[in-house]
């Protein structure tokens, strides 16, 4: 009998890869923040938080898990403190850099 593996969704695979490679999580968020649509960053933050474990991230952020899910939902509007707490739980922080000039 020939049994094939059940298909793994793209999202599940991404979460597994982010869980196993913290540098990938950083690159993933860096790419998301470059998008002009803030929903892209919000979705990326949620994916990274899920890869770390929402309960653990919520505990480190000092907020209820349900509140974290709500804040990082597609219709969420998280506070800056929530975003910073998720980044901190991921071992990341925000750093500023000059935008490259388009005229160059």
Protein backbone atom coordinates (compact mmCIF):
# COMPACT_ATOMS: atom_id res chain seq x y z
CA UNK A 1 0.00 0.00 0.00
CA UNK A 2 1.46 3.33 -1.07
CA UNK A 3 0.64 6.09 1.41
CA UNK A 4 1.68 9.63 0.73
CA UNK A 5 2.10 12.29 3.39
CA UNK A 6 -0.77 14.63 3.96
CA UNK A 7 -0.16 18.03 2.45
CA UNK A 8 1.16 20.70 4.79
CA UNK A 9 -0.23 24.18 4.34
CA UNK A 10 2.11 26.98 3.36
CA UNK A 11 1.36 28.75 6.65
CA UNK A 12 2.16 25.67 8.76
CA UNK A 13 5.41 25.17 6.89
CA UNK A 14 6.35 28.84 7.32
CA UNK A 15 5.64 28.69 11.06
CA UNK A 16 7.82 25.58 11.37
CA UNK A 17 10.65 27.25 9.46
CA UNK A 18 10.41 30.44 11.52
CA UNK A 19 10.43 28.36 14.71
CA UNK A 20 13.63 26.62 13.69
CA UNK A 21 15.47 29.66 12.29
CA UNK A 22 15.38 32.96 14.25
CA UNK A 23 17.36 34.71 11.50
CA UNK A 24 14.60 33.82 9.06
CA UNK A 25 12.05 35.43 11.38
CA UNK A 26 14.09 38.64 11.35
CA UNK A 27 14.35 38.65 7.56
CA UNK A 28 10.64 37.85 7.25
CA UNK A 29 9.67 40.82 9.44
CA UNK A 30 12.17 43.10 7.72
CA UNK A 31 10.60 42.28 4.35
CA UNK A 32 7.10 42.78 5.74
CA UNK A 33 7.90 46.22 7.16
CA UNK A 34 9.00 47.38 3.70
CA UNK A 35 5.50 46.83 2.35
CA UNK A 36 3.34 49.95 2.24
CA UNK A 37 0.30 48.04 3.54
CA UNK A 38 0.51 47.87 7.36
CA UNK A 39 -1.62 44.70 7.30
CA UNK A 40 1.38 42.85 5.85
CA UNK A 41 3.48 43.65 8.91
CA UNK A 42 0.58 42.79 11.21
CA UNK A 43 0.18 39.38 9.55
CA UNK A 44 3.93 38.76 9.71
CA UNK A 45 4.02 39.65 13.41
CA UNK A 46 1.19 37.22 14.08
CA UNK A 47 2.97 34.47 12.16
CA UNK A 48 6.18 35.04 14.10
CA UNK A 49 4.24 35.13 17.38
CA UNK A 50 2.58 31.82 16.46
CA UNK A 51 5.98 30.32 15.68
CA UNK A 52 7.14 31.29 19.18
CA UNK A 53 3.90 30.16 20.81
CA UNK A 54 1.16 32.71 21.39
CA UNK A 55 0.81 31.83 25.07
CA UNK A 56 4.54 32.33 25.66
CA UNK A 57 4.62 35.62 23.73
CA UNK A 58 1.56 36.87 25.60
CA UNK A 59 3.13 35.98 28.94
CA UNK A 60 6.39 37.75 28.02
CA UNK A 61 4.42 40.75 26.76
CA UNK A 62 2.37 40.87 29.94
CA UNK A 63 -0.97 40.68 28.15
CA UNK A 64 -3.72 38.09 27.96
CA UNK A 65 -3.35 35.55 25.17
CA UNK A 66 -6.81 36.41 23.85
CA UNK A 67 -5.85 40.09 23.71
CA UNK A 68 -2.74 39.22 21.73
CA UNK A 69 -4.78 37.18 19.25
CA UNK A 70 -7.21 40.09 18.89
CA UNK A 71 -4.45 42.69 18.49
CA UNK A 72 -2.70 40.66 15.79
CA UNK A 73 -5.87 39.69 13.95
CA UNK A 74 -6.50 41.01 10.42
CA UNK A 75 -8.80 43.66 11.89
CA UNK A 76 -6.54 44.27 14.87
CA UNK A 77 -5.12 47.62 15.81
CA UNK A 78 -2.30 46.82 18.22
CA UNK A 79 -0.66 49.39 20.44
CA UNK A 80 2.97 50.20 19.91
CA UNK A 81 3.71 48.57 23.27
CA UNK A 82 2.17 45.31 21.98
CA UNK A 83 4.25 45.40 18.80
CA UNK A 84 7.41 46.09 20.77
CA UNK A 85 6.59 43.28 23.21
CA UNK A 86 6.14 40.78 20.36
CA UNK A 87 9.45 41.86 18.85
CA UNK A 88 11.15 41.56 22.24
CA UNK A 89 9.75 38.04 22.69
CA UNK A 90 11.24 37.19 19.29
CA UNK A 91 14.61 38.55 20.40
CA UNK A 92 14.31 41.54 18.08
CA UNK A 93 14.09 45.31 18.38
CA UNK A 94 13.33 48.17 16.04
CA UNK A 95 16.29 50.03 14.56
CA UNK A 96 16.11 53.03 12.27
CA UNK A 97 17.98 53.44 9.03
CA UNK A 98 17.95 56.10 6.36
CA UNK A 99 15.67 55.39 3.44
CA UNK A 100 17.56 55.03 0.19
CA UNK A 101 16.95 57.90 -2.16
CA UNK A 102 14.95 57.02 -5.25
CA UNK A 103 16.72 59.73 -7.24
CA UNK A 104 20.09 58.01 -7.01
